[in-house]
């Protein structure tokens, strides 16, 4: 079971969000709220890939820099990037400068165009993998059968840096899973917006 602690306003929140002001704001306004916009979904999947092996705070603090560096995560623009863009991005101190992750974003932008042509939208595609809410209390975990299946499906379509743990974090953040703690004041807001 996920524990809660009182937030600055006295209301209980997921314990993890109280360690930094950035986490608190992200938790209260974004994390877990359903997203259907393909551009935001693509951005989030890319940022979760960059987060692999790092803290989410690192990515959150650099998010605006990532948006600027990757043309607002407009996947159609990113899909046209060349080796010169990879080199440009490797010199950008405002982002995480990891060649494999940068190249994965460009690859995934190209795969995104294909996916939208085949499936209609990334939103429709990922929603097929939404776990059934059985009413049980959220537990701390890194993956679930659905994130493993979605990861496998994306990899089969040629996506990179979309392992089951990365995909599960994406599912949590984008509202496919409501992992706010049972007593968290935000949990009911997320449920009502689903």
N, C-alpha and C. Protein backbone atom coordinates (compact mmCIF):
# COMPACT_ATOMS: atom_id res chain seq x y z
N UNK A 1 0.84 -1.20 0.00
CA UNK A 1 0.00 0.00 0.00
C UNK A 1 0.88 1.25 0.00
N UNK A 2 0.47 2.25 -0.76
CA UNK A 2 1.23 3.49 -0.87
C UNK A 2 0.82 4.43 0.26
N UNK A 3 1.81 4.97 0.90
CA UNK A 3 1.57 5.81 2.07
C UNK A 3 1.36 7.27 1.69
N UNK A 4 0.62 7.99 2.56
CA UNK A 4 0.42 9.43 2.36
C UNK A 4 1.03 10.19 3.53
N UNK A 5 1.29 11.45 3.27
CA UNK A 5 1.76 12.37 4.30
C UNK A 5 1.02 13.69 4.09
N UNK A 6 0.86 14.49 5.15
CA UNK A 6 0.17 15.77 4.97
C UNK A 6 1.00 16.74 4.12
N UNK A 7 0.33 17.36 3.16
CA UNK A 7 0.98 18.36 2.31
C UNK A 7 1.01 19.71 3.00
N UNK A 8 1.54 20.73 2.33
CA UNK A 8 1.62 22.07 2.92
C UNK A 8 0.27 22.63 3.34
N UNK A 9 -0.81 22.18 2.68
CA UNK A 9 -2.15 22.65 3.03
C UNK A 9 -2.84 21.74 4.05
N UNK A 10 -2.11 20.73 4.55
CA UNK A 10 -2.67 19.82 5.54
C UNK A 10 -3.38 18.61 4.95
N UNK A 11 -3.65 18.61 3.66
CA UNK A 11 -4.32 17.48 3.01
C UNK A 11 -3.32 16.37 2.69
N UNK A 12 -3.74 15.13 2.82
CA UNK A 12 -2.81 14.01 2.55
C UNK A 12 -2.49 13.89 1.06
N UNK A 13 -1.24 13.57 0.79
CA UNK A 13 -0.77 13.37 -0.58
C UNK A 13 0.18 12.18 -0.60
N UNK A 14 0.39 11.66 -1.81
CA UNK A 14 1.37 10.59 -1.99
C UNK A 14 2.71 11.06 -1.40
N UNK A 15 3.31 10.21 -0.60
CA UNK A 15 4.51 10.61 0.15
C UNK A 15 5.63 11.14 -0.75
N UNK A 16 5.77 10.56 -1.95
CA UNK A 16 6.92 10.90 -2.80
C UNK A 16 6.91 12.35 -3.27
N UNK A 17 5.72 12.96 -3.34
CA UNK A 17 5.64 14.30 -3.95
C UNK A 17 6.06 15.41 -2.99
N UNK A 18 6.31 15.07 -1.75
CA UNK A 18 6.61 16.11 -0.77
C UNK A 18 8.10 16.39 -0.62
N UNK A 19 8.93 15.70 -1.41
CA UNK A 19 10.37 15.89 -1.26
C UNK A 19 10.88 17.16 -1.95
N UNK A 20 10.18 17.65 -2.97
CA UNK A 20 10.59 18.89 -3.64
C UNK A 20 9.35 19.66 -4.09
N UNK A 21 9.44 20.98 -4.18
CA UNK A 21 8.31 21.77 -4.69
C UNK A 21 7.93 21.37 -6.12
N UNK A 22 8.93 21.00 -6.93
CA UNK A 22 8.65 20.60 -8.31
C UNK A 22 7.78 19.34 -8.35
N UNK A 23 8.10 18.39 -7.48
CA UNK A 23 7.31 17.16 -7.41
C UNK A 23 5.88 17.45 -6.96
N UNK A 24 5.73 18.34 -5.98
CA UNK A 24 4.40 18.65 -5.46
C UNK A 24 3.52 19.25 -6.56
N UNK A 25 4.06 20.20 -7.29
CA UNK A 25 3.31 20.83 -8.37
C UNK A 25 2.97 19.80 -9.45
N UNK A 26 3.94 18.99 -9.85
CA UNK A 26 3.73 17.96 -10.87
C UNK A 26 2.65 16.97 -10.41
N UNK A 27 2.74 16.54 -9.17
CA UNK A 27 1.78 15.60 -8.59
C UNK A 27 0.37 16.17 -8.59
N UNK A 28 0.23 17.42 -8.18
CA UNK A 28 -1.10 18.02 -8.01
C UNK A 28 -1.76 18.44 -9.32
N UNK A 29 -0.98 18.69 -10.36
CA UNK A 29 -1.56 19.23 -11.58
C UNK A 29 -1.42 18.35 -12.82
N UNK A 30 -0.52 17.36 -12.78
CA UNK A 30 -0.28 16.56 -13.98
C UNK A 30 -0.35 15.05 -13.76
N UNK A 31 0.39 14.55 -12.79
CA UNK A 31 0.61 13.11 -12.66
C UNK A 31 -0.71 12.36 -12.46
N UNK A 32 -0.99 11.48 -13.39
CA UNK A 32 -2.17 10.63 -13.29
C UNK A 32 -3.41 11.16 -13.98
N UNK A 33 -3.41 12.44 -14.33
CA UNK A 33 -4.57 13.00 -15.02
C UNK A 33 -4.57 12.49 -16.47
N UNK A 34 -5.71 12.02 -16.96
CA UNK A 34 -5.76 11.44 -18.31
C UNK A 34 -5.36 12.43 -19.39
N UNK A 35 -4.56 11.94 -20.33
CA UNK A 35 -4.10 12.72 -21.47
C UNK A 35 -4.45 11.95 -22.74
N UNK A 36 -5.03 12.65 -23.71
CA UNK A 36 -5.35 12.01 -24.99
C UNK A 36 -4.64 12.69 -26.16
N UNK A 37 -4.00 13.82 -25.93
CA UNK A 37 -3.30 14.55 -26.98
C UNK A 37 -2.03 13.80 -27.38
N UNK A 38 -1.94 13.44 -28.64
CA UNK A 38 -0.79 12.65 -29.12
C UNK A 38 0.55 13.36 -28.94
N UNK A 39 0.59 14.68 -29.08
CA UNK A 39 1.85 15.40 -28.91
C UNK A 39 2.33 15.31 -27.47
N UNK A 40 1.40 15.47 -26.53
CA UNK A 40 1.78 15.35 -25.11
C UNK A 40 2.17 13.92 -24.76
N UNK A 41 1.45 12.95 -25.33
CA UNK A 41 1.79 11.56 -25.07
C UNK A 41 3.18 11.22 -25.62
N UNK A 42 3.47 11.71 -26.82
CA UNK A 42 4.79 11.47 -27.41
C UNK A 42 5.87 12.11 -26.55
N UNK A 43 5.65 13.35 -26.14
CA UNK A 43 6.62 14.05 -25.28
C UNK A 43 6.88 13.24 -24.02
N UNK A 44 5.82 12.81 -23.37
CA UNK A 44 5.97 12.11 -22.10
C UNK A 44 6.71 10.79 -22.28
N UNK A 45 6.41 10.07 -23.34
CA UNK A 45 7.10 8.81 -23.58
C UNK A 45 8.59 9.07 -23.83
N UNK A 46 8.90 10.13 -24.56
CA UNK A 46 10.30 10.51 -24.78
C UNK A 46 11.00 10.89 -23.48
N UNK A 47 10.34 11.71 -22.68
CA UNK A 47 10.95 12.15 -21.43
C UNK A 47 11.13 10.99 -20.46
N UNK A 48 10.20 10.05 -20.45
CA UNK A 48 10.37 8.86 -19.60
C UNK A 48 11.58 8.06 -20.07
N UNK A 49 11.82 8.01 -21.37
CA UNK A 49 13.01 7.35 -21.88
C UNK A 49 14.28 8.05 -21.44
N UNK A 50 14.28 9.38 -21.47
CA UNK A 50 15.44 10.14 -20.99
C UNK A 50 15.64 9.93 -19.49
N UNK A 51 14.57 9.73 -18.75
CA UNK A 51 14.65 9.57 -17.30
C UNK A 51 15.32 8.27 -16.90
N UNK A 52 15.29 7.28 -17.76
CA UNK A 52 15.85 5.97 -17.44
C UNK A 52 17.25 6.10 -16.83
N UNK A 53 17.39 5.63 -15.61
CA UNK A 53 18.66 5.69 -14.90
C UNK A 53 18.91 6.99 -14.17
N UNK A 54 17.99 7.93 -14.25
CA UNK A 54 18.13 9.24 -13.60
C UNK A 54 16.92 9.50 -12.72
N UNK A 55 16.94 10.59 -11.98
CA UNK A 55 15.77 10.95 -11.17
C UNK A 55 14.79 11.72 -12.06
N UNK A 56 13.50 11.60 -11.74
CA UNK A 56 12.50 12.33 -12.51
C UNK A 56 12.69 13.83 -12.31
N UNK A 57 13.19 14.23 -11.17
CA UNK A 57 13.42 15.66 -10.90
C UNK A 57 14.39 16.25 -11.93
N UNK A 58 15.42 15.48 -12.29
CA UNK A 58 16.38 15.94 -13.30
C UNK A 58 15.66 16.28 -14.60
N UNK A 59 14.75 15.41 -15.00
CA UNK A 59 14.01 15.62 -16.25
C UNK A 59 13.04 16.79 -16.11
N UNK A 60 12.35 16.84 -14.99
CA UNK A 60 11.39 17.93 -14.77
C UNK A 60 12.08 19.29 -14.82
N UNK A 61 13.27 19.38 -14.22
CA UNK A 61 14.00 20.65 -14.18
C UNK A 61 14.48 21.06 -15.58
N UNK A 62 14.64 20.08 -16.46
CA UNK A 62 15.13 20.36 -17.81
C UNK A 62 14.02 20.29 -18.86
N UNK A 63 12.78 20.08 -18.44
CA UNK A 63 11.70 19.84 -19.39
C UNK A 63 11.55 20.96 -20.43
N UNK A 64 11.59 22.20 -20.01
CA UNK A 64 11.46 23.31 -20.97
C UNK A 64 12.62 23.32 -21.96
N UNK A 65 13.80 22.97 -21.49
CA UNK A 65 14.95 22.88 -22.39
C UNK A 65 14.75 21.75 -23.41
N UNK A 66 14.23 20.61 -22.94
CA UNK A 66 13.93 19.51 -23.86
C UNK A 66 12.92 19.96 -24.91
N UNK A 67 11.88 20.64 -24.47
CA UNK A 67 10.85 21.10 -25.41
C UNK A 67 11.45 22.02 -26.47
N UNK A 68 12.31 22.91 -26.05
CA UNK A 68 12.94 23.83 -26.99
C UNK A 68 13.87 23.07 -27.94
N UNK A 69 14.66 22.17 -27.39
CA UNK A 69 15.64 21.43 -28.20
C UNK A 69 14.99 20.50 -29.21
N UNK A 70 13.82 19.96 -28.87
CA UNK A 70 13.14 19.00 -29.74
C UNK A 70 11.87 19.57 -30.38
N UNK A 71 11.89 20.85 -30.70
CA UNK A 71 10.78 21.49 -31.42
C UNK A 71 9.42 21.18 -30.78
N UNK A 72 9.36 21.30 -29.46
CA UNK A 72 8.10 21.08 -28.76
C UNK A 72 7.60 19.64 -28.87
N UNK A 73 8.51 18.73 -29.17
CA UNK A 73 8.17 17.30 -29.37
C UNK A 73 7.11 17.12 -30.45
N UNK A 74 7.18 18.01 -31.45
CA UNK A 74 6.35 17.83 -32.64
C UNK A 74 6.98 16.67 -33.40
N UNK A 75 6.38 15.51 -33.29
CA UNK A 75 7.00 14.30 -33.84
C UNK A 75 7.23 14.38 -35.34
N UNK A 76 6.41 15.14 -36.04
CA UNK A 76 6.61 15.27 -37.50
C UNK A 76 7.90 16.05 -37.81
N UNK A 77 8.20 17.05 -36.99
CA UNK A 77 9.47 17.79 -37.16
C UNK A 77 10.65 16.94 -36.71
N UNK A 78 10.52 16.30 -35.57
CA UNK A 78 11.62 15.50 -35.03
C UNK A 78 11.97 14.36 -35.98
N UNK A 79 11.00 13.82 -36.67
CA UNK A 79 11.23 12.72 -37.61
C UNK A 79 12.15 13.13 -38.75
N UNK A 80 12.28 14.43 -39.01
CA UNK A 80 13.15 14.90 -40.10
C UNK A 80 14.58 15.17 -39.64
N UNK A 81 14.85 15.00 -38.37
CA UNK A 81 16.19 15.28 -37.84
C UNK A 81 17.23 14.40 -38.52
N UNK A 82 18.42 14.98 -38.66
CA UNK A 82 19.55 14.30 -39.28
C UNK A 82 20.67 14.12 -38.26
N UNK A 83 21.78 13.57 -38.72
CA UNK A 83 22.95 13.41 -37.85
C UNK A 83 23.42 14.77 -37.33
N UNK A 84 23.25 15.82 -38.12
CA UNK A 84 23.63 17.17 -37.67
C UNK A 84 22.80 17.57 -36.45
N UNK A 85 21.54 17.19 -36.44
CA UNK A 85 20.70 17.49 -35.27
C UNK A 85 21.14 16.68 -34.06
N UNK A 86 21.54 15.44 -34.27
CA UNK A 86 22.05 14.63 -33.16
C UNK A 86 23.27 15.32 -32.57
N UNK A 87 24.19 15.77 -33.41
CA UNK A 87 25.40 16.45 -32.93
C UNK A 87 25.03 17.75 -32.19
N UNK A 88 24.07 18.49 -32.73
CA UNK A 88 23.61 19.72 -32.06
C UNK A 88 23.07 19.40 -30.67
N UNK A 89 22.28 18.37 -30.58
CA UNK A 89 21.67 18.00 -29.30
C UNK A 89 22.71 17.49 -28.31
N UNK A 90 23.72 16.81 -28.79
CA UNK A 90 24.78 16.32 -27.91
C UNK A 90 25.58 17.47 -27.29
N UNK A 91 25.52 18.64 -27.89
CA UNK A 91 26.22 19.82 -27.35
C UNK A 91 25.32 20.68 -26.47
N UNK A 92 24.05 20.34 -26.36
CA UNK A 92 23.07 21.14 -25.61
C UNK A 92 23.10 20.77 -24.13
N UNK A 93 23.73 21.62 -23.32
CA UNK A 93 23.86 21.35 -21.88
C UNK A 93 22.52 21.43 -21.14
N UNK A 94 21.49 21.93 -21.80
CA UNK A 94 20.19 22.06 -21.16
C UNK A 94 19.39 20.77 -21.13
N UNK A 95 19.87 19.73 -21.83
CA UNK A 95 19.17 18.44 -21.86
C UNK A 95 20.11 17.34 -21.37
N UNK A 96 19.63 16.14 -21.32
CA UNK A 96 20.47 14.98 -21.03
C UNK A 96 21.14 14.59 -22.34
N UNK A 97 22.46 14.66 -22.35
CA UNK A 97 23.22 14.44 -23.59
C UNK A 97 23.66 12.98 -23.69
N UNK A 98 22.75 12.16 -24.12
CA UNK A 98 22.99 10.71 -24.25
C UNK A 98 22.63 10.33 -25.68
N UNK A 99 23.63 9.95 -26.45
CA UNK A 99 23.42 9.69 -27.88
C UNK A 99 22.31 8.67 -28.11
N UNK A 100 22.32 7.58 -27.37
CA UNK A 100 21.31 6.54 -27.57
C UNK A 100 19.90 7.05 -27.33
N UNK A 101 19.73 7.86 -26.31
CA UNK A 101 18.40 8.39 -25.99
C UNK A 101 17.96 9.44 -27.02
N UNK A 102 18.90 10.26 -27.46
CA UNK A 102 18.58 11.26 -28.50
C UNK A 102 18.18 10.56 -29.79
N UNK A 103 18.96 9.58 -30.19
CA UNK A 103 18.65 8.84 -31.41
C UNK A 103 17.33 8.08 -31.28
N UNK A 104 17.02 7.61 -30.07
CA UNK A 104 15.75 6.92 -29.84
C UNK A 104 14.57 7.86 -30.06
N UNK A 105 14.68 9.11 -29.63
CA UNK A 105 13.59 10.08 -29.83
C UNK A 105 13.34 10.29 -31.32
N UNK A 106 14.42 10.42 -32.08
CA UNK A 106 14.28 10.63 -33.53
C UNK A 106 13.66 9.38 -34.17
N UNK A 107 14.17 8.23 -33.81
CA UNK A 107 13.60 6.97 -34.31
C UNK A 107 12.13 6.87 -33.94
N UNK A 108 11.81 7.16 -32.69
CA UNK A 108 10.43 7.02 -32.23
C UNK A 108 9.49 8.02 -32.90
N UNK A 109 10.01 9.17 -33.27
CA UNK A 109 9.19 10.14 -34.02
C UNK A 109 8.80 9.55 -35.37
N UNK A 110 9.74 8.87 -35.99
CA UNK A 110 9.44 8.22 -37.28
C UNK A 110 8.45 7.08 -37.09
N UNK A 111 8.63 6.32 -36.03
CA UNK A 111 7.70 5.22 -35.72
C UNK A 111 6.32 5.77 -35.34
N UNK A 112 6.31 6.95 -34.73
CA UNK A 112 5.05 7.60 -34.35
C UNK A 112 4.22 7.92 -35.59
N UNK A 113 4.87 8.44 -36.61
CA UNK A 113 4.15 8.74 -37.86
C UNK A 113 3.53 7.46 -38.42
N UNK A 114 4.28 6.38 -38.42
CA UNK A 114 3.77 5.10 -38.90
C UNK A 114 2.61 4.61 -38.05
N UNK A 115 2.77 4.74 -36.72
CA UNK A 115 1.72 4.27 -35.81
C UNK A 115 0.42 5.03 -36.03
N UNK A 116 0.52 6.35 -36.17
CA UNK A 116 -0.68 7.17 -36.39
C UNK A 116 -1.35 6.77 -37.71
N UNK A 117 -0.55 6.51 -38.72
CA UNK A 117 -1.13 6.07 -40.01
C UNK A 117 -1.83 4.72 -39.87
N UNK A 118 -1.24 3.82 -39.08
CA UNK A 118 -1.79 2.47 -38.93
C UNK A 118 -2.94 2.38 -37.93
N UNK A 119 -2.80 3.11 -36.82
CA UNK A 119 -3.70 2.94 -35.68
C UNK A 119 -4.66 4.10 -35.46
N UNK A 120 -4.44 5.22 -36.12
CA UNK A 120 -5.30 6.39 -35.92
C UNK A 120 -4.69 7.40 -34.98
N UNK A 121 -4.19 6.95 -33.83
CA UNK A 121 -3.53 7.84 -32.87
C UNK A 121 -2.78 7.02 -31.84
N UNK A 122 -1.78 7.64 -31.25
CA UNK A 122 -1.06 7.00 -30.15
C UNK A 122 -2.01 6.81 -28.97
N UNK A 123 -2.87 7.79 -28.74
CA UNK A 123 -3.83 7.72 -27.64
C UNK A 123 -4.71 6.47 -27.75
N UNK A 124 -5.28 6.26 -28.93
CA UNK A 124 -6.12 5.08 -29.12
C UNK A 124 -5.32 3.79 -28.92
N UNK A 125 -4.11 3.79 -29.43
CA UNK A 125 -3.27 2.59 -29.34
C UNK A 125 -2.95 2.25 -27.88
N UNK A 126 -2.45 3.23 -27.11
CA UNK A 126 -2.05 2.92 -25.73
C UNK A 126 -3.25 2.60 -24.84
N UNK A 127 -4.41 3.15 -25.14
CA UNK A 127 -5.60 2.89 -24.31
C UNK A 127 -6.04 1.44 -24.39
N UNK A 128 -5.65 0.75 -25.43
CA UNK A 128 -5.96 -0.69 -25.52
C UNK A 128 -5.27 -1.48 -24.41
N UNK A 129 -4.25 -0.89 -23.82
CA UNK A 129 -3.45 -1.58 -22.81
C UNK A 129 -3.77 -1.09 -21.39
N UNK A 130 -4.81 -0.28 -21.27
CA UNK A 130 -5.19 0.24 -19.95
C UNK A 130 -5.64 -0.90 -19.05
N UNK A 131 -5.02 -1.02 -17.88
CA UNK A 131 -5.43 -2.08 -16.96
C UNK A 131 -6.87 -1.87 -16.47
N UNK A 132 -7.54 -2.96 -16.21
CA UNK A 132 -8.88 -2.89 -15.64
C UNK A 132 -8.74 -2.49 -14.17
N UNK A 133 -9.49 -1.48 -13.77
CA UNK A 133 -9.46 -1.04 -12.37
C UNK A 133 -10.31 -1.99 -11.55
N UNK A 134 -9.64 -2.81 -10.73
CA UNK A 134 -10.37 -3.79 -9.93
C UNK A 134 -10.74 -3.26 -8.54
N UNK A 135 -10.46 -1.97 -8.31
CA UNK A 135 -10.83 -1.35 -7.04
C UNK A 135 -9.84 -1.58 -5.92
N UNK A 136 -8.78 -2.34 -6.17
CA UNK A 136 -7.81 -2.58 -5.11
C UNK A 136 -6.92 -1.35 -4.92
N UNK A 137 -6.36 -1.25 -3.74
CA UNK A 137 -5.49 -0.11 -3.42
C UNK A 137 -4.21 -0.18 -4.24
N UNK A 138 -3.70 0.97 -4.68
CA UNK A 138 -2.45 0.99 -5.43
C UNK A 138 -1.30 0.43 -4.59
N UNK A 139 -0.39 -0.22 -5.25
CA UNK A 139 0.81 -0.74 -4.59
C UNK A 139 2.03 -0.22 -5.33
N UNK A 140 3.15 -0.15 -4.63
CA UNK A 140 4.39 0.28 -5.27
C UNK A 140 4.88 -0.86 -6.15
N UNK A 141 5.03 -0.58 -7.43
CA UNK A 141 5.55 -1.57 -8.37
C UNK A 141 6.18 -0.84 -9.54
N UNK A 142 7.01 -1.55 -10.29
CA UNK A 142 7.72 -0.93 -11.40
C UNK A 142 7.10 -1.28 -12.75
N UNK A 143 6.34 -2.36 -12.81
CA UNK A 143 5.71 -2.79 -14.06
C UNK A 143 4.37 -3.43 -13.73
N UNK A 144 3.63 -3.76 -14.76
CA UNK A 144 2.41 -4.56 -14.63
C UNK A 144 2.29 -5.35 -15.93
N UNK A 145 1.44 -6.35 -15.98
CA UNK A 145 1.31 -7.12 -17.22
C UNK A 145 0.98 -6.25 -18.43
N UNK A 146 0.18 -5.22 -18.23
CA UNK A 146 -0.21 -4.34 -19.33
C UNK A 146 0.96 -3.49 -19.82
N UNK A 147 1.83 -3.03 -18.90
CA UNK A 147 2.99 -2.25 -19.35
C UNK A 147 3.97 -3.15 -20.09
N UNK A 148 4.06 -4.39 -19.66
CA UNK A 148 4.91 -5.35 -20.37
C UNK A 148 4.37 -5.60 -21.78
N UNK A 149 3.06 -5.73 -21.90
CA UNK A 149 2.44 -5.96 -23.21
C UNK A 149 2.59 -4.74 -24.11
N UNK A 150 2.37 -3.53 -23.57
CA UNK A 150 2.52 -2.31 -24.36
C UNK A 150 3.97 -2.13 -24.79
N UNK A 151 4.90 -2.37 -23.90
CA UNK A 151 6.32 -2.29 -24.23
C UNK A 151 6.65 -3.23 -25.38
N UNK A 152 6.17 -4.43 -25.29
CA UNK A 152 6.43 -5.43 -26.33
C UNK A 152 5.83 -4.99 -27.67
N UNK A 153 4.61 -4.45 -27.63
CA UNK A 153 3.94 -4.00 -28.86
C UNK A 153 4.68 -2.83 -29.49
N UNK A 154 5.15 -1.88 -28.69
CA UNK A 154 5.90 -0.73 -29.22
C UNK A 154 7.23 -1.19 -29.81
N UNK A 155 7.92 -2.09 -29.09
CA UNK A 155 9.20 -2.59 -29.61
C UNK A 155 9.00 -3.33 -30.93
N UNK A 156 7.92 -4.07 -31.03
CA UNK A 156 7.62 -4.79 -32.27
C UNK A 156 7.43 -3.81 -33.43
N UNK A 157 6.95 -2.60 -33.11
CA UNK A 157 6.77 -1.57 -34.13
C UNK A 157 8.05 -0.75 -34.34
N UNK A 158 9.14 -1.13 -33.65
CA UNK A 158 10.43 -0.49 -33.87
C UNK A 158 10.80 0.62 -32.91
N UNK A 159 9.99 0.86 -31.88
CA UNK A 159 10.29 1.91 -30.90
C UNK A 159 11.48 1.50 -30.03
N UNK A 160 12.18 2.49 -29.49
CA UNK A 160 13.34 2.24 -28.63
C UNK A 160 13.18 2.99 -27.30
N UNK A 161 13.88 2.51 -26.29
CA UNK A 161 13.81 3.05 -24.92
C UNK A 161 12.38 3.04 -24.40
N UNK A 162 11.69 1.94 -24.64
CA UNK A 162 10.32 1.79 -24.17
C UNK A 162 10.18 0.45 -23.44
N UNK A 163 11.08 0.22 -22.49
CA UNK A 163 11.00 -1.00 -21.68
C UNK A 163 9.79 -0.96 -20.77
N UNK A 164 9.45 -2.10 -20.15
CA UNK A 164 8.23 -2.17 -19.32
C UNK A 164 8.20 -1.18 -18.16
N UNK A 165 9.35 -0.88 -17.55
CA UNK A 165 9.38 0.07 -16.44
C UNK A 165 9.14 1.49 -16.94
N UNK A 166 9.78 1.85 -18.04
CA UNK A 166 9.56 3.16 -18.65
C UNK A 166 8.10 3.32 -19.06
N UNK A 167 7.55 2.27 -19.67
CA UNK A 167 6.16 2.32 -20.13
C UNK A 167 5.21 2.39 -18.95
N UNK A 168 5.52 1.69 -17.84
CA UNK A 168 4.64 1.78 -16.68
C UNK A 168 4.63 3.20 -16.10
N UNK A 169 5.80 3.83 -16.02
CA UNK A 169 5.85 5.22 -15.53
C UNK A 169 5.04 6.13 -16.44
N UNK A 170 5.12 5.90 -17.74
CA UNK A 170 4.32 6.64 -18.71
C UNK A 170 2.82 6.41 -18.45
N UNK A 171 2.43 5.17 -18.22
CA UNK A 171 1.02 4.85 -17.97
C UNK A 171 0.51 5.54 -16.70
N UNK A 172 1.34 5.58 -15.68
CA UNK A 172 0.97 6.28 -14.44
C UNK A 172 0.80 7.77 -14.70
N UNK A 173 1.77 8.35 -15.36
CA UNK A 173 1.78 9.80 -15.57
C UNK A 173 0.64 10.27 -16.46
N UNK A 174 0.27 9.45 -17.44
CA UNK A 174 -0.73 9.86 -18.44
C UNK A 174 -2.14 9.37 -18.13
N UNK A 175 -2.35 8.83 -16.93
CA UNK A 175 -3.69 8.50 -16.51
C UNK A 175 -4.22 7.15 -16.95
N UNK A 176 -3.36 6.29 -17.45
CA UNK A 176 -3.83 4.94 -17.78
C UNK A 176 -3.93 4.08 -16.52
N UNK A 177 -3.23 4.52 -15.49
CA UNK A 177 -3.26 3.86 -14.17
C UNK A 177 -3.38 4.97 -13.14
N UNK A 178 -4.29 4.83 -12.18
CA UNK A 178 -4.38 5.82 -11.10
C UNK A 178 -3.65 5.26 -9.89
N UNK A 179 -2.38 5.60 -9.79
CA UNK A 179 -1.56 5.11 -8.68
C UNK A 179 -1.39 6.13 -7.56
N UNK A 180 -2.28 7.11 -7.50
CA UNK A 180 -2.29 7.98 -6.32
C UNK A 180 -2.72 7.11 -5.14
N UNK A 181 -2.12 7.35 -3.99
CA UNK A 181 -2.43 6.57 -2.79
C UNK A 181 -3.91 6.69 -2.44
N UNK A 182 -4.42 5.68 -1.78
CA UNK A 182 -5.85 5.65 -1.40
C UNK A 182 -6.31 6.94 -0.73
N UNK A 183 -5.55 7.47 0.20
CA UNK A 183 -5.98 8.66 0.94
C UNK A 183 -5.55 9.97 0.32
N UNK A 184 -4.85 9.94 -0.80
CA UNK A 184 -4.32 11.15 -1.43
C UNK A 184 -5.47 12.03 -1.91
N UNK A 185 -5.40 13.32 -1.61
CA UNK A 185 -6.46 14.26 -1.97
C UNK A 185 -6.60 14.39 -3.49
N UNK A 186 -5.58 14.06 -4.25
CA UNK A 186 -5.62 14.18 -5.71
C UNK A 186 -6.25 12.92 -6.35
N UNK A 187 -6.24 11.80 -5.67
CA UNK A 187 -6.73 10.55 -6.25
C UNK A 187 -8.18 10.69 -6.78
N UNK A 188 -9.06 11.29 -6.01
CA UNK A 188 -10.44 11.42 -6.45
C UNK A 188 -10.58 12.38 -7.63
N UNK A 189 -9.73 13.39 -7.69
CA UNK A 189 -9.74 14.33 -8.82
C UNK A 189 -9.35 13.60 -10.11
N UNK A 190 -8.33 12.74 -9.99
CA UNK A 190 -7.89 11.95 -11.15
C UNK A 190 -9.00 11.00 -11.58
N UNK A 191 -9.62 10.32 -10.61
CA UNK A 191 -10.70 9.39 -10.92
C UNK A 191 -11.87 10.10 -11.60
N UNK A 192 -12.19 11.28 -11.13
CA UNK A 192 -13.32 12.03 -11.70
C UNK A 192 -13.03 12.51 -13.12
N UNK A 193 -11.75 12.68 -13.45
CA UNK A 193 -11.42 13.18 -14.78
C UNK A 193 -11.20 12.06 -15.79
N UNK A 194 -11.26 10.82 -15.33
CA UNK A 194 -11.03 9.68 -16.25
C UNK A 194 -12.20 9.45 -17.17
